[in-house]
Structure formats: C-alpha cells, structure tokens
Amino acid sequence: MDIMLVFWGFHIVAMIVFLVGMGLILSVWLQGTVNGRSDISAGQKLAFLIRGTLATIFSARLGALLRTLIWDGAIHPTLFRQHKLRWTAHCCVFGGIVLLTILSAFSFISVDILIPIFKMDNIFTSIFANKDHALTAFLNELGGLVVMVGLIIVMIRRYVIRELEMSTRIVDTEIIVFLALIIVSGYVVEICRLSFEFEELPPTAIYAFLSYPVALVARTADLPWGALHDWLFLLHALFSSAVIAYIPFSKFFHAIAGIIIASVNTFEREKPSLCAKG
C-alpha cells in the first residue's frame, strides 16, 4: 500500500470538508451587517468585504494591521495584565502551533515544490527538506514542547485549580485531547524514524533534544522500526488532517476568530490616530 497516496487522498477530502465548513461559517456571518448595512444581498456583502480586504492589503495600512494582529492577538498584553498564567498558556499553545505550522509549510514547499519542480538547491531547501538539520530538528522539538507546556497549564487550570473564569475557556476538552495526540504521536513517529533510518545517529540528531535520547534506548530493541514508522506516520498524518477538517466546527476556531476580530476592531478604533501619524 502506498502510504503517501492514502494520506493525500484523505487529506484532500479533509481540506474539502474544511473549506465547506468555512463556507458555512461565512454564510452565517454574511447574514449580519457589513459596514452598517443589512439591506444588501450576501453576494454584495461578500464583494464589499473582499474589496475592503484587498484595499487594506495593498495600502500603507497593512503594516499597522499586522502589528495590531501580532500585538493584540498573539502577544495579547491585556491578557498578560489580567492573568499571567492564562497568558502563558495562550502564548505556548498559540505560538507552538504557529511555529509547527510554519515548519511544516516550509518543509512541504521545499520537498514537494522547490526541489522536484524547480530543481532548487539552496540554503532554504537544504534546511527545511532535511529533518536532521540542526535548526529544523531543534525547532520541531521546541514547538511540540511549548504546545504541551501550554496544554498542561490549561489542564491544571481547568481540572486541578478549577478557576471560575474557565467558563470562558479558550480551549475545551476535545481540543486539548486532539492537540496532545498530534504532538505526542509526532514525537513517537520521530523516535521510530531515528531508530531505523540510521545505523549510527548523525551528530545533528542531538538537537532533537526529546526524541534523540529516547531513540538511543529504543533503537536497541529488536522491533520492525521501519514498518512501525510508516504506520504511525500514516495515523499521525490522518489524524492531523481530520483535526484540520474539524476546526471550522469547533470552539477552537471561534476562539481564534474572536482574537482576530478583536484585533481588527482595535485597529479600526485606532485608525484615525494611525492616519494622523502617517
């Protein structure tokens, strides 16, 4: 069985489900008012939003909007002032996911586009097409670790401390479980890979500071590491794709959308002062 063929077949279906879900959410949003108007059709509202988005992207306001998204959405100083432990969990989960997503995107671009199609061989492809490069090995391990730290903080706050404000929690149980399974299974896949791919682990493998010491011990066991890696990689990839398909229907999406909307609202309120500075 071609594992990658199975993965891509499932992943395409998952992406279709994701896009359908996003379309359903957009259709609900378009039932409301756009620029204070509710008397126009959904198509006219969508066209207005597209024009407004493009006008912002191709204007001097884009930099200010990105700064607002990063500062108010990602860094979230208001949350830091209100509750530092909750802010730490937010930064760990959000930052770790962003880091892992960027690394996965760069790896895909290098392995599936730049190298086979454009025959590119440069510092970008040499780093992100190589799982054992010191930078990619370290950042992948770090990204998974900070997400797990954030999830542990969330679980402690929700199930141990039982803080009252958790009624307005950002991440609910299903998302905690899903993210934990993705991260842990990713580490297991990496341990299996290091256990079968090399007779002697390369020196840079040490930068995979969590998987490397486990693989040193695990690879001494007489197990079919290659087959285990292939099947576990497939399960990890399929589960990750299923979670992507589920995102539009989860509270996690609404939490992220809330952060973006709040940041945009802040940007719109500050727009006159930004224009004055310009």
Protein backbone atom coordinates (compact mmCIF):
# COMPACT_ATOMS: atom_id res chain seq x y z
CA MET A 1 0.00 0.00 0.00
CA ASP A 2 1.26 3.44 -0.93
CA ILE A 3 1.09 5.31 2.36
CA MET A 4 1.51 8.75 0.81
CA LEU A 5 -1.27 8.03 -1.70
CA VAL A 6 -3.60 7.13 1.18
CA PHE A 7 -2.55 10.27 3.04
CA TRP A 8 -3.09 12.63 0.14
CA GLY A 9 -6.45 11.08 -0.72
CA PHE A 10 -7.64 11.53 2.86
CA HIS A 11 -6.03 14.95 3.19
CA ILE A 12 -7.77 16.29 0.08
CA VAL A 13 -11.13 15.11 1.45
CA ALA A 14 -10.29 16.72 4.81
CA MET A 15 -9.43 20.02 3.13
CA ILE A 16 -12.71 19.94 1.19
CA VAL A 17 -14.59 19.44 4.48
CA PHE A 18 -12.58 22.29 5.98
CA LEU A 19 -13.43 24.63 3.10
CA VAL A 20 -17.12 23.63 3.24
CA GLY A 21 -17.12 24.37 6.97
CA MET A 22 -15.50 27.75 6.40
CA GLY A 23 -18.08 28.45 3.70
CA LEU A 24 -20.93 27.66 6.11
CA ILE A 25 -19.43 29.96 8.74
CA LEU A 26 -19.03 32.74 6.14
CA SER A 27 -22.65 32.31 5.04
CA VAL A 28 -23.78 32.82 8.65
CA TRP A 29 -21.57 35.88 9.07
CA LEU A 30 -22.96 37.37 5.85
CA GLN A 31 -26.45 37.32 7.37
CA GLY A 32 -25.35 40.17 9.62
CA THR A 33 -24.46 43.74 8.78
CA VAL A 34 -21.45 44.76 6.71
CA ASN A 35 -20.28 48.34 7.11
CA GLY A 36 -23.53 49.05 8.93
CA ARG A 37 -25.73 47.75 6.12
CA SER A 38 -28.04 44.74 6.30
CA ASP A 39 -30.27 45.61 3.33
CA ILE A 40 -27.89 44.27 0.68
CA SER A 41 -27.51 40.71 -0.57
CA ALA A 42 -24.96 38.21 0.72
CA GLY A 43 -23.09 38.48 -2.57
CA GLN A 44 -22.86 42.27 -2.25
CA LYS A 45 -21.68 41.93 1.35
CA LEU A 46 -19.02 39.43 0.28
CA ALA A 47 -17.88 41.69 -2.55
CA PHE A 48 -17.64 44.60 -0.12
CA LEU A 49 -15.54 42.54 2.31
CA ILE A 50 -13.23 41.37 -0.49
CA ARG A 51 -12.76 44.92 -1.76
CA GLY A 52 -12.06 46.17 1.75
CA THR A 53 -9.58 43.36 2.40
CA LEU A 54 -7.72 43.95 -0.85
CA ALA A 55 -7.70 47.70 -0.24
CA THR A 56 -6.08 47.11 3.15
CA ILE A 57 -3.54 44.60 1.82
CA PHE A 58 -2.40 46.93 -0.94
CA SER A 59 -2.16 50.01 1.23
CA ALA A 60 0.09 51.56 3.86
CA ARG A 61 -2.36 50.29 6.50
CA LEU A 62 -1.24 46.67 6.07
CA GLY A 63 1.80 47.09 8.30
CA ALA A 64 -0.30 48.68 11.03
CA LEU A 65 -2.89 45.89 10.79
CA LEU A 66 -0.21 43.20 11.05
CA ARG A 67 1.30 44.93 14.07
CA THR A 68 -2.13 45.02 15.71
CA LEU A 69 -2.74 41.33 14.98
CA ILE A 70 0.64 40.36 16.40
CA TRP A 71 0.47 42.65 19.42
CA ASP A 72 -3.21 42.40 20.41
CA GLY A 73 -3.91 38.93 19.01
CA ALA A 74 -0.74 36.91 19.53
CA ILE A 75 1.17 38.70 22.30
CA HIS A 76 -2.08 39.82 23.97
CA PRO A 77 -0.79 42.30 26.60
CA THR A 78 -4.31 42.76 28.02
CA LEU A 79 -4.48 39.08 28.94
CA PHE A 80 -0.98 39.34 30.44
CA ARG A 81 -2.13 42.12 32.76
CA GLN A 82 -5.28 40.22 33.73
CA HIS A 83 -3.94 36.71 34.27
CA LYS A 84 -0.29 35.84 33.68
CA LEU A 85 -0.76 32.04 33.91
CA ARG A 86 -3.55 32.09 31.34
CA TRP A 87 -1.40 34.35 29.15
CA THR A 88 1.46 31.83 29.37
CA ALA A 89 -0.85 29.02 28.25
CA HIS A 90 -2.16 31.18 25.39
CA CYS A 91 1.36 32.03 24.17
CA CYS A 92 2.59 28.44 24.45
CA VAL A 93 -0.32 26.83 22.60
CA PHE A 94 -0.74 29.58 20.00
CA GLY A 95 2.98 30.19 19.47
CA GLY A 96 3.85 26.49 19.32
CA ILE A 97 1.14 25.76 16.77
CA VAL A 98 2.21 28.70 14.61
CA LEU A 99 5.85 27.56 14.74
CA LEU A 100 5.00 23.94 13.83
CA THR A 101 2.68 25.10 11.05
CA ILE A 102 5.39 27.32 9.54
CA LEU A 103 7.94 24.50 9.72
CA SER A 104 5.51 22.07 8.06
CA ALA A 105 4.73 24.59 5.32
CA PHE A 106 8.41 25.28 4.65
CA SER A 107 9.13 21.55 4.55
CA PHE A 108 6.27 20.94 2.09
CA ILE A 109 7.39 23.83 -0.12
CA SER A 110 10.97 22.51 -0.17
CA VAL A 111 10.30 18.78 -0.58
CA ASP A 112 7.25 18.84 -2.88
CA ILE A 113 7.68 22.04 -4.90
CA LEU A 114 11.09 23.72 -4.96
CA ILE A 115 13.28 20.62 -5.21
CA PRO A 116 11.31 18.33 -7.58
CA ILE A 117 9.72 21.01 -9.78
CA PHE A 118 12.20 23.88 -9.81
CA LYS A 119 15.34 21.81 -9.03
CA MET A 120 16.34 24.36 -6.42
CA ASP A 121 19.26 23.59 -4.13
CA ASN A 122 19.90 26.48 -1.77
CA ILE A 123 20.16 27.19 1.93
CA PHE A 124 16.36 27.26 2.32
CA THR A 125 15.79 23.82 0.81
CA SER A 126 18.87 22.34 2.49
CA ILE A 127 17.46 23.32 5.88
CA PHE A 128 13.77 22.57 5.57
CA ALA A 129 13.99 19.46 3.40
CA ASN A 130 16.29 17.85 5.96
CA LYS A 131 14.60 16.62 9.14
CA ASP A 132 18.02 16.14 10.74
CA HIS A 133 19.29 19.64 10.13
CA ALA A 134 20.16 21.20 13.49
CA LEU A 135 17.70 24.08 13.02
CA THR A 136 14.68 22.03 11.92
CA ALA A 137 15.34 19.30 14.48
CA PHE A 138 15.56 21.82 17.32
CA LEU A 139 12.60 23.97 16.27
CA ASN A 140 10.30 20.97 15.74
CA GLU A 141 11.15 19.63 19.19
CA LEU A 142 10.76 23.09 20.72
CA GLY A 143 7.40 23.72 19.04
CA GLY A 144 5.96 20.45 20.29
CA LEU A 145 7.31 21.05 23.78
CA VAL A 146 5.85 24.54 24.21
CA VAL A 147 2.43 23.35 22.98
CA MET A 148 2.49 20.55 25.56
CA VAL A 149 3.50 23.01 28.29
CA GLY A 150 0.58 25.23 27.32
CA LEU A 151 -1.85 22.28 27.32
CA ILE A 152 -0.62 21.15 30.75
CA ILE A 153 -1.24 24.66 32.13
CA VAL A 154 -4.74 24.64 30.61
CA MET A 155 -5.49 21.22 32.15
CA ILE A 156 -4.18 22.29 35.57
CA ARG A 157 -6.29 25.45 35.50
CA ARG A 158 -9.37 23.60 34.33
CA TYR A 159 -9.22 20.30 36.22
CA VAL A 160 -6.99 20.94 39.26
CA ILE A 161 -7.35 24.60 40.24
CA ARG A 162 -10.85 24.78 38.72
CA GLU A 163 -10.75 28.53 38.27
CA LEU A 164 -14.15 30.17 37.91
CA GLU A 165 -13.28 32.06 34.75
CA MET A 166 -12.71 28.76 32.96
CA SER A 167 -16.38 29.03 31.99
CA THR A 168 -14.98 31.34 29.31
CA ARG A 169 -12.11 28.94 28.49
CA ILE A 170 -10.29 29.28 25.15
CA VAL A 171 -9.61 25.58 24.65
CA ASP A 172 -12.16 22.91 25.55
CA THR A 173 -11.52 19.25 26.35
CA GLU A 174 -11.73 17.92 22.82
CA ILE A 175 -9.16 20.37 21.51
CA ILE A 176 -6.84 19.61 24.44
CA VAL A 177 -7.04 15.90 23.60
CA PHE A 178 -6.66 16.44 19.85
CA LEU A 179 -3.61 18.67 20.15
CA ALA A 180 -1.99 16.39 22.74
CA LEU A 181 -2.47 13.36 20.49
CA ILE A 182 -0.99 15.18 17.49
CA ILE A 183 2.08 16.34 19.43
CA VAL A 184 2.73 13.03 21.23
CA SER A 185 2.21 10.95 18.09
CA GLY A 186 4.61 13.28 16.25
CA TYR A 187 7.30 12.57 18.83
CA VAL A 188 6.67 8.81 18.58
CA VAL A 189 6.98 8.95 14.78
CA GLU A 190 10.27 10.84 15.09
CA ILE A 191 11.62 8.30 17.59
CA CYS A 192 10.74 5.46 15.19
CA ARG A 193 12.40 7.29 12.30
CA LEU A 194 15.61 7.81 14.24
CA SER A 195 15.52 4.16 15.28
CA PHE A 196 15.52 2.71 11.77
CA GLU A 197 16.86 5.32 9.34
CA PHE A 198 20.48 5.32 10.53
CA GLU A 199 22.93 2.67 11.62
CA GLU A 200 24.54 5.43 13.65
CA LEU A 201 22.61 8.55 14.52
CA PRO A 202 24.01 11.70 12.87
CA PRO A 203 25.59 14.27 15.20
CA THR A 204 22.82 16.79 14.45
CA ALA A 205 20.18 14.37 15.78
CA ILE A 206 21.10 15.53 19.26
CA TYR A 207 19.25 18.78 18.52
CA ALA A 208 16.05 16.73 18.62
CA PHE A 209 16.55 17.00 22.35
CA LEU A 210 13.47 14.97 23.37
CA SER A 211 13.33 12.31 20.64
CA TYR A 212 17.09 11.73 20.46
CA PRO A 213 17.70 10.31 23.98
CA VAL A 214 14.60 8.11 23.73
CA ALA A 215 15.69 6.84 20.29
CA LEU A 216 19.14 5.98 21.66
CA VAL A 217 17.48 3.49 24.01
CA ALA A 218 14.56 2.41 21.82
CA ARG A 219 16.64 1.53 18.74
CA THR A 220 18.41 -1.21 20.68
CA ALA A 221 15.13 -3.16 20.80
CA ASP A 222 14.60 -5.73 18.06
CA LEU A 223 11.47 -4.21 16.57
CA PRO A 224 10.35 -3.54 12.96
CA TRP A 225 11.04 0.16 13.33
CA GLY A 226 10.61 0.89 9.62
CA ALA A 227 7.12 -0.62 9.44
CA LEU A 228 6.16 0.94 12.76
CA HIS A 229 7.29 4.33 11.50
CA ASP A 230 5.28 4.05 8.28
CA TRP A 231 2.05 3.06 10.02
CA LEU A 232 2.42 5.51 12.87
CA PHE A 233 3.29 8.31 10.44
CA LEU A 234 0.13 7.49 8.47
CA LEU A 235 -2.02 7.53 11.62
CA HIS A 236 -0.41 10.79 12.78
CA ALA A 237 -0.93 12.42 9.37
CA LEU A 238 -4.52 11.18 9.00
CA PHE A 239 -5.44 12.33 12.49
CA SER A 240 -3.86 15.74 11.87
CA SER A 241 -5.87 16.08 8.65
CA ALA A 242 -9.06 15.06 10.47
CA VAL A 243 -8.44 17.75 13.09
CA ILE A 244 -7.97 20.34 10.32
CA ALA A 245 -11.31 19.29 8.83
CA TYR A 246 -12.94 19.63 12.26
CA ILE A 247 -11.56 23.11 13.05
CA PRO A 248 -14.43 25.14 11.50
CA PHE A 249 -16.94 23.20 13.61
CA SER A 250 -15.03 23.52 16.90
CA LYS A 251 -14.90 26.14 19.64
CA PHE A 252 -11.18 26.45 18.91
CA PHE A 253 -11.96 28.17 15.60
CA HIS A 254 -14.34 30.60 17.25
CA ALA A 255 -11.66 31.42 19.83
CA ILE A 256 -9.10 32.16 17.11
CA ALA A 257 -11.70 34.12 15.11
CA GLY A 258 -12.52 36.08 18.25
CA ILE A 259 -8.86 37.02 18.69
CA ILE A 260 -8.64 38.18 15.06
CA ILE A 261 -11.92 40.13 15.22
CA ALA A 262 -10.89 41.81 18.48
CA SER A 263 -7.56 42.79 16.92
CA VAL A 264 -9.25 44.19 13.81
CA ASN A 265 -11.73 46.13 15.96
CA THR A 266 -8.82 47.60 17.90
CA PHE A 267 -7.16 48.52 14.61
CA GLU A 268 -10.33 50.22 13.35
CA ARG A 269 -10.67 52.22 16.57
CA GLU A 270 -7.06 53.35 16.31
CA LYS A 271 -7.25 54.07 12.57
CA PRO A 272 -7.72 57.83 12.88
CA SER A 273 -4.63 58.18 15.05
CA LEU A 274 -2.67 55.92 12.70
CA CYS A 275 -3.70 58.03 9.74
CA ALA A 276 -2.74 61.17 11.62
CA LYS A 277 0.72 59.74 12.29
CA GLY A 278 1.05 58.89 8.61
